[in-house]
Amino acid sequence: FSGVLSEEVLRALLELQEQLAATTAWAPVSGREVTLSDVCYAPLNPTEPGLGDCCVNSVTQYFQNNGTHLAMTATQTNGKQTGTVDWHDHLIYCVNSPLSFKDITALELSCMAEYGGP
């Protein structure tokens, strides 16, 4: 992995997404501030969505938009070989199995997005 798929870029993307999600705008017709959750597509909670319910398509959703998940590492043994698995391994698994609720690495992270969908 290099370039766009570096941990540094993914962390910057997470930060940008958090800033955008916190953005508000004044809606004069309704006389109130509106947020992303007021206008987002939230297929699993359409009546009263919170920010985590909004369907935001991004590579960071493979980590549930969670920097702690992105930073995780674990020791994994396959046969006689022992090594460390990290975000690279999780991402490769999820790209190939996006509907998985738990990857096959020692990280055991879900591939499902924060809002609950693929």
N, C-alpha and C. Protein backbone atom coordinates (compact mmCIF):
# COMPACT_ATOMS: atom_id res chain seq x y z
N PHE A 1 0.84 -1.18 0.00
CA PHE A 1 0.00 0.00 0.00
C PHE A 1 0.89 1.24 0.00
N SER A 2 0.45 2.23 -0.76
CA SER A 2 1.16 3.50 -0.75
C SER A 2 0.22 4.59 -1.24
N GLY A 3 0.68 5.81 -1.22
CA GLY A 3 -0.11 6.91 -1.75
C GLY A 3 -1.42 7.10 -1.04
N VAL A 4 -2.51 6.98 -1.77
CA VAL A 4 -3.84 7.25 -1.25
C VAL A 4 -4.22 6.28 -0.12
N LEU A 5 -3.74 5.06 -0.19
CA LEU A 5 -4.08 4.08 0.85
C LEU A 5 -2.97 3.95 1.89
N SER A 6 -2.63 5.07 2.49
CA SER A 6 -1.70 5.04 3.62
C SER A 6 -2.50 5.36 4.88
N GLU A 7 -1.98 4.93 6.01
CA GLU A 7 -2.69 5.20 7.26
C GLU A 7 -2.83 6.70 7.49
N GLU A 8 -1.82 7.45 7.13
CA GLU A 8 -1.87 8.91 7.29
C GLU A 8 -3.02 9.53 6.50
N VAL A 9 -3.20 9.08 5.27
CA VAL A 9 -4.29 9.61 4.43
C VAL A 9 -5.64 9.18 4.99
N LEU A 10 -5.75 7.95 5.43
CA LEU A 10 -7.02 7.47 6.00
C LEU A 10 -7.37 8.25 7.27
N ARG A 11 -6.37 8.57 8.09
CA ARG A 11 -6.63 9.37 9.29
C ARG A 11 -7.07 10.79 8.93
N ALA A 12 -6.44 11.36 7.90
CA ALA A 12 -6.83 12.70 7.44
C ALA A 12 -8.26 12.67 6.90
N LEU A 13 -8.62 11.60 6.21
CA LEU A 13 -9.98 11.45 5.69
C LEU A 13 -10.98 11.34 6.83
N LEU A 14 -10.64 10.58 7.87
CA LEU A 14 -11.52 10.48 9.04
C LEU A 14 -11.73 11.85 9.67
N GLU A 15 -10.66 12.61 9.79
CA GLU A 15 -10.76 13.95 10.39
C GLU A 15 -11.65 14.86 9.54
N LEU A 16 -11.47 14.82 8.22
CA LEU A 16 -12.29 15.63 7.33
C LEU A 16 -13.76 15.23 7.43
N GLN A 17 -14.03 13.94 7.46
CA GLN A 17 -15.41 13.47 7.58
C GLN A 17 -16.04 13.94 8.88
N GLU A 18 -15.28 13.92 9.96
CA GLU A 18 -15.81 14.38 11.25
C GLU A 18 -16.13 15.87 11.20
N GLN A 19 -15.28 16.64 10.54
CA GLN A 19 -15.53 18.08 10.40
C GLN A 19 -16.79 18.32 9.56
N LEU A 20 -16.91 17.61 8.46
CA LEU A 20 -18.09 17.77 7.61
C LEU A 20 -19.37 17.32 8.33
N ALA A 21 -19.28 16.25 9.10
CA ALA A 21 -20.45 15.77 9.83
C ALA A 21 -20.90 16.75 10.90
N ALA A 22 -19.97 17.56 11.41
CA ALA A 22 -20.30 18.54 12.45
C ALA A 22 -20.80 19.87 11.86
N THR A 23 -20.80 19.98 10.55
CA THR A 23 -21.22 21.22 9.91
C THR A 23 -22.72 21.44 10.09
N THR A 24 -23.08 22.67 10.35
CA THR A 24 -24.50 23.03 10.44
C THR A 24 -24.76 24.19 9.50
N ALA A 25 -26.01 24.39 9.19
CA ALA A 25 -26.42 25.52 8.34
C ALA A 25 -27.76 26.04 8.85
N TRP A 26 -27.93 27.34 8.76
CA TRP A 26 -29.17 27.95 9.17
C TRP A 26 -30.22 27.76 8.07
N ALA A 27 -31.36 27.26 8.44
CA ALA A 27 -32.47 27.06 7.50
C ALA A 27 -33.55 28.07 7.83
N PRO A 28 -33.61 29.19 7.10
CA PRO A 28 -34.55 30.26 7.44
C PRO A 28 -36.01 29.83 7.39
N VAL A 29 -36.36 28.94 6.48
CA VAL A 29 -37.76 28.51 6.36
C VAL A 29 -38.22 27.79 7.62
N SER A 30 -37.35 26.92 8.15
CA SER A 30 -37.73 26.20 9.37
C SER A 30 -37.30 26.94 10.63
N GLY A 31 -36.49 27.98 10.47
CA GLY A 31 -36.08 28.78 11.62
C GLY A 31 -35.16 28.06 12.59
N ARG A 32 -34.30 27.18 12.06
CA ARG A 32 -33.39 26.43 12.94
C ARG A 32 -32.14 26.00 12.18
N GLU A 33 -31.17 25.58 12.96
CA GLU A 33 -29.96 25.00 12.38
C GLU A 33 -30.27 23.59 11.91
N VAL A 34 -29.74 23.22 10.75
CA VAL A 34 -29.89 21.85 10.28
C VAL A 34 -28.51 21.20 10.24
N THR A 35 -28.52 19.89 10.40
CA THR A 35 -27.29 19.11 10.44
C THR A 35 -27.35 18.01 9.39
N LEU A 36 -26.27 17.28 9.27
CA LEU A 36 -26.24 16.16 8.33
C LEU A 36 -27.36 15.16 8.62
N SER A 37 -27.61 14.89 9.88
CA SER A 37 -28.64 13.89 10.21
C SER A 37 -30.05 14.36 9.81
N ASP A 38 -30.22 15.67 9.60
CA ASP A 38 -31.52 16.18 9.12
C ASP A 38 -31.75 15.89 7.65
N VAL A 39 -30.68 15.71 6.89
CA VAL A 39 -30.82 15.59 5.43
C VAL A 39 -30.22 14.31 4.85
N CYS A 40 -29.62 13.47 5.68
CA CYS A 40 -28.92 12.30 5.15
C CYS A 40 -29.86 11.14 4.83
N TYR A 41 -29.34 10.22 4.04
CA TYR A 41 -30.01 8.96 3.76
C TYR A 41 -29.63 8.00 4.89
N ALA A 42 -30.61 7.57 5.66
CA ALA A 42 -30.37 6.67 6.80
C ALA A 42 -31.30 5.46 6.65
N PRO A 43 -30.90 4.48 5.85
CA PRO A 43 -31.80 3.36 5.52
C PRO A 43 -32.22 2.50 6.70
N LEU A 44 -31.40 2.43 7.75
CA LEU A 44 -31.75 1.56 8.87
C LEU A 44 -32.41 2.29 10.03
N ASN A 45 -32.50 3.61 9.94
CA ASN A 45 -33.18 4.41 10.96
C ASN A 45 -33.69 5.69 10.29
N PRO A 46 -34.64 5.58 9.39
CA PRO A 46 -35.07 6.75 8.61
C PRO A 46 -35.90 7.77 9.39
N THR A 47 -36.53 7.39 10.48
CA THR A 47 -37.42 8.33 11.16
C THR A 47 -36.70 9.34 12.05
N GLU A 48 -35.70 8.91 12.79
CA GLU A 48 -34.94 9.83 13.65
C GLU A 48 -33.46 9.48 13.62
N PRO A 49 -32.81 9.73 12.50
CA PRO A 49 -31.40 9.32 12.38
C PRO A 49 -30.46 10.20 13.20
N GLY A 50 -29.45 9.56 13.76
CA GLY A 50 -28.32 10.27 14.35
C GLY A 50 -27.20 10.25 13.33
N LEU A 51 -26.09 10.90 13.61
CA LEU A 51 -24.99 10.93 12.64
C LEU A 51 -24.50 9.54 12.27
N GLY A 52 -24.45 8.63 13.24
CA GLY A 52 -23.99 7.28 12.96
C GLY A 52 -24.93 6.47 12.10
N ASP A 53 -26.15 6.96 11.89
CA ASP A 53 -27.13 6.27 11.06
C ASP A 53 -27.04 6.68 9.60
N CYS A 54 -26.33 7.77 9.32
CA CYS A 54 -26.24 8.29 7.95
C CYS A 54 -25.35 7.41 7.09
N CYS A 55 -25.83 7.10 5.90
CA CYS A 55 -25.08 6.28 4.95
C CYS A 55 -24.05 7.18 4.26
N VAL A 56 -22.82 7.08 4.72
CA VAL A 56 -21.71 7.83 4.13
C VAL A 56 -20.77 6.81 3.52
N ASN A 57 -20.66 6.81 2.20
CA ASN A 57 -19.82 5.83 1.53
C ASN A 57 -18.37 6.31 1.50
N SER A 58 -17.52 5.57 2.18
CA SER A 58 -16.12 5.92 2.30
C SER A 58 -15.34 4.68 2.69
N VAL A 59 -14.09 4.62 2.30
CA VAL A 59 -13.24 3.49 2.67
C VAL A 59 -13.11 3.39 4.19
N THR A 60 -13.25 4.50 4.89
CA THR A 60 -13.14 4.46 6.35
C THR A 60 -14.31 3.73 7.01
N GLN A 61 -15.39 3.49 6.25
CA GLN A 61 -16.51 2.73 6.81
C GLN A 61 -16.11 1.29 7.10
N TYR A 62 -15.09 0.77 6.42
CA TYR A 62 -14.61 -0.57 6.75
C TYR A 62 -14.07 -0.63 8.18
N PHE A 63 -13.81 0.54 8.76
CA PHE A 63 -13.34 0.65 10.14
C PHE A 63 -14.38 1.34 11.02
N GLN A 64 -15.63 1.39 10.54
CA GLN A 64 -16.75 2.03 11.22
C GLN A 64 -16.44 3.49 11.57
N ASN A 65 -15.67 4.14 10.72
CA ASN A 65 -15.25 5.54 10.94
C ASN A 65 -14.62 5.72 12.32
N ASN A 66 -13.86 4.74 12.74
CA ASN A 66 -13.30 4.73 14.09
C ASN A 66 -11.78 4.65 14.01
N GLY A 67 -11.11 5.71 14.46
CA GLY A 67 -9.66 5.75 14.43
C GLY A 67 -9.00 4.67 15.27
N THR A 68 -9.66 4.25 16.34
CA THR A 68 -9.13 3.17 17.18
C THR A 68 -9.10 1.86 16.40
N HIS A 69 -10.14 1.60 15.63
CA HIS A 69 -10.15 0.39 14.80
C HIS A 69 -9.04 0.44 13.75
N LEU A 70 -8.83 1.60 13.16
CA LEU A 70 -7.79 1.78 12.15
C LEU A 70 -6.41 1.51 12.74
N ALA A 71 -6.19 1.85 13.99
CA ALA A 71 -4.89 1.70 14.64
C ALA A 71 -4.63 0.31 15.21
N MET A 72 -5.63 -0.54 15.23
CA MET A 72 -5.49 -1.85 15.88
C MET A 72 -4.45 -2.73 15.17
N THR A 73 -3.74 -3.50 15.96
CA THR A 73 -2.85 -4.55 15.47
C THR A 73 -3.09 -5.79 16.34
N ALA A 74 -2.74 -6.94 15.80
CA ALA A 74 -2.88 -8.18 16.57
C ALA A 74 -1.86 -9.19 16.05
N THR A 75 -1.45 -10.06 16.92
CA THR A 75 -0.55 -11.14 16.53
C THR A 75 -1.41 -12.29 16.01
N GLN A 76 -1.00 -12.83 14.88
CA GLN A 76 -1.77 -13.92 14.28
C GLN A 76 -0.81 -15.03 13.85
N THR A 77 -1.22 -16.25 14.10
CA THR A 77 -0.42 -17.41 13.71
C THR A 77 -1.20 -18.24 12.70
N ASN A 78 -0.55 -18.54 11.61
CA ASN A 78 -1.09 -19.44 10.58
C ASN A 78 -0.09 -20.58 10.43
N GLY A 79 -0.47 -21.73 10.92
CA GLY A 79 0.46 -22.85 10.89
C GLY A 79 1.66 -22.57 11.75
N LYS A 80 2.86 -22.55 11.15
CA LYS A 80 4.09 -22.28 11.89
C LYS A 80 4.54 -20.83 11.76
N GLN A 81 3.80 -20.03 11.00
CA GLN A 81 4.19 -18.63 10.81
C GLN A 81 3.38 -17.72 11.73
N THR A 82 4.09 -16.81 12.38
CA THR A 82 3.45 -15.82 13.25
C THR A 82 3.82 -14.45 12.73
N GLY A 83 2.83 -13.57 12.70
CA GLY A 83 3.06 -12.21 12.23
C GLY A 83 2.06 -11.26 12.84
N THR A 84 2.13 -10.03 12.41
CA THR A 84 1.23 -9.00 12.92
C THR A 84 0.25 -8.61 11.82
N VAL A 85 -1.02 -8.57 12.17
CA VAL A 85 -2.05 -8.10 11.23
C VAL A 85 -2.47 -6.70 11.64
N ASP A 86 -2.84 -5.91 10.66
CA ASP A 86 -3.25 -4.54 10.94
C ASP A 86 -4.30 -4.09 9.92
N TRP A 87 -4.46 -2.79 9.77
CA TRP A 87 -5.50 -2.24 8.90
C TRP A 87 -5.37 -2.73 7.46
N HIS A 88 -4.14 -2.98 7.00
CA HIS A 88 -3.94 -3.48 5.63
C HIS A 88 -4.71 -4.80 5.42
N ASP A 89 -4.50 -5.72 6.36
CA ASP A 89 -5.12 -7.04 6.27
C ASP A 89 -6.64 -6.95 6.35
N HIS A 90 -7.12 -6.10 7.25
CA HIS A 90 -8.56 -5.92 7.39
C HIS A 90 -9.16 -5.34 6.11
N LEU A 91 -8.52 -4.34 5.54
CA LEU A 91 -9.02 -3.71 4.32
C LEU A 91 -9.06 -4.70 3.16
N ILE A 92 -8.00 -5.47 2.99
CA ILE A 92 -7.97 -6.47 1.91
C ILE A 92 -9.12 -7.47 2.09
N TYR A 93 -9.32 -7.93 3.33
CA TYR A 93 -10.40 -8.87 3.59
C TYR A 93 -11.75 -8.26 3.24
N CYS A 94 -11.98 -7.03 3.69
CA CYS A 94 -13.28 -6.39 3.50
C CYS A 94 -13.58 -6.06 2.04
N VAL A 95 -12.58 -5.70 1.29
CA VAL A 95 -12.79 -5.44 -0.13
C VAL A 95 -13.29 -6.70 -0.83
N ASN A 96 -12.82 -7.84 -0.36
CA ASN A 96 -13.24 -9.12 -0.94
C ASN A 96 -14.50 -9.70 -0.31
N SER A 97 -14.82 -9.29 0.91
CA SER A 97 -16.00 -9.81 1.63
C SER A 97 -16.70 -8.67 2.36
N PRO A 98 -17.28 -7.71 1.64
CA PRO A 98 -17.83 -6.51 2.28
C PRO A 98 -19.03 -6.76 3.20
N LEU A 99 -19.66 -7.91 3.11
CA LEU A 99 -20.83 -8.19 3.95
C LEU A 99 -20.48 -8.94 5.23
N SER A 100 -19.19 -9.09 5.52
CA SER A 100 -18.76 -9.85 6.68
C SER A 100 -18.95 -9.06 7.98
N PHE A 101 -19.47 -9.73 8.99
CA PHE A 101 -19.62 -9.11 10.30
C PHE A 101 -18.36 -9.29 11.15
N LYS A 102 -17.42 -10.14 10.71
CA LYS A 102 -16.17 -10.32 11.42
C LYS A 102 -15.14 -10.86 10.43
N ASP A 103 -14.01 -10.13 10.32
CA ASP A 103 -13.00 -10.61 9.38
C ASP A 103 -12.31 -11.86 9.94
N ILE A 104 -11.51 -12.51 9.09
CA ILE A 104 -10.86 -13.75 9.52
C ILE A 104 -9.48 -13.51 10.12
N THR A 105 -9.12 -12.25 10.31
CA THR A 105 -7.85 -11.95 10.97
C THR A 105 -8.04 -11.98 12.48
N ALA A 106 -6.94 -11.89 13.18
CA ALA A 106 -6.99 -11.85 14.65
C ALA A 106 -7.61 -10.55 15.15
N LEU A 107 -7.79 -9.57 14.27
CA LEU A 107 -8.45 -8.32 14.66
C LEU A 107 -9.93 -8.54 14.93
N GLU A 108 -10.54 -9.44 14.17
CA GLU A 108 -11.96 -9.79 14.28
C GLU A 108 -12.87 -8.56 14.19
N LEU A 109 -12.54 -7.65 13.28
CA LEU A 109 -13.35 -6.46 13.06
C LEU A 109 -14.44 -6.72 12.02
N SER A 110 -15.52 -6.00 12.13
CA SER A 110 -16.59 -6.08 11.16
C SER A 110 -16.22 -5.29 9.91
N CYS A 111 -16.74 -5.71 8.79
CA CYS A 111 -16.59 -4.96 7.54
C CYS A 111 -17.79 -4.04 7.31
N MET A 112 -18.81 -4.18 8.13
CA MET A 112 -20.01 -3.38 7.96
C MET A 112 -19.75 -1.94 8.37
N ALA A 113 -20.45 -1.04 7.72
CA ALA A 113 -20.27 0.39 7.98
C ALA A 113 -20.86 0.78 9.34
N GLU A 114 -20.50 1.96 9.78
CA GLU A 114 -20.99 2.47 11.06
C GLU A 114 -22.51 2.46 11.14
N TYR A 115 -23.18 2.78 10.03
CA TYR A 115 -24.65 2.82 10.03
C TYR A 115 -25.28 1.45 9.98
N GLY A 116 -24.49 0.39 9.83
CA GLY A 116 -25.00 -0.97 9.88
C GLY A 116 -25.12 -1.67 8.54
N GLY A 117 -24.92 -0.97 7.45
CA GLY A 117 -24.99 -1.57 6.12
C GLY A 117 -23.62 -1.87 5.57
N PRO A 118 -23.59 -2.46 4.38
CA PRO A 118 -22.30 -2.77 3.75
C PRO A 118 -21.63 -1.54 3.16
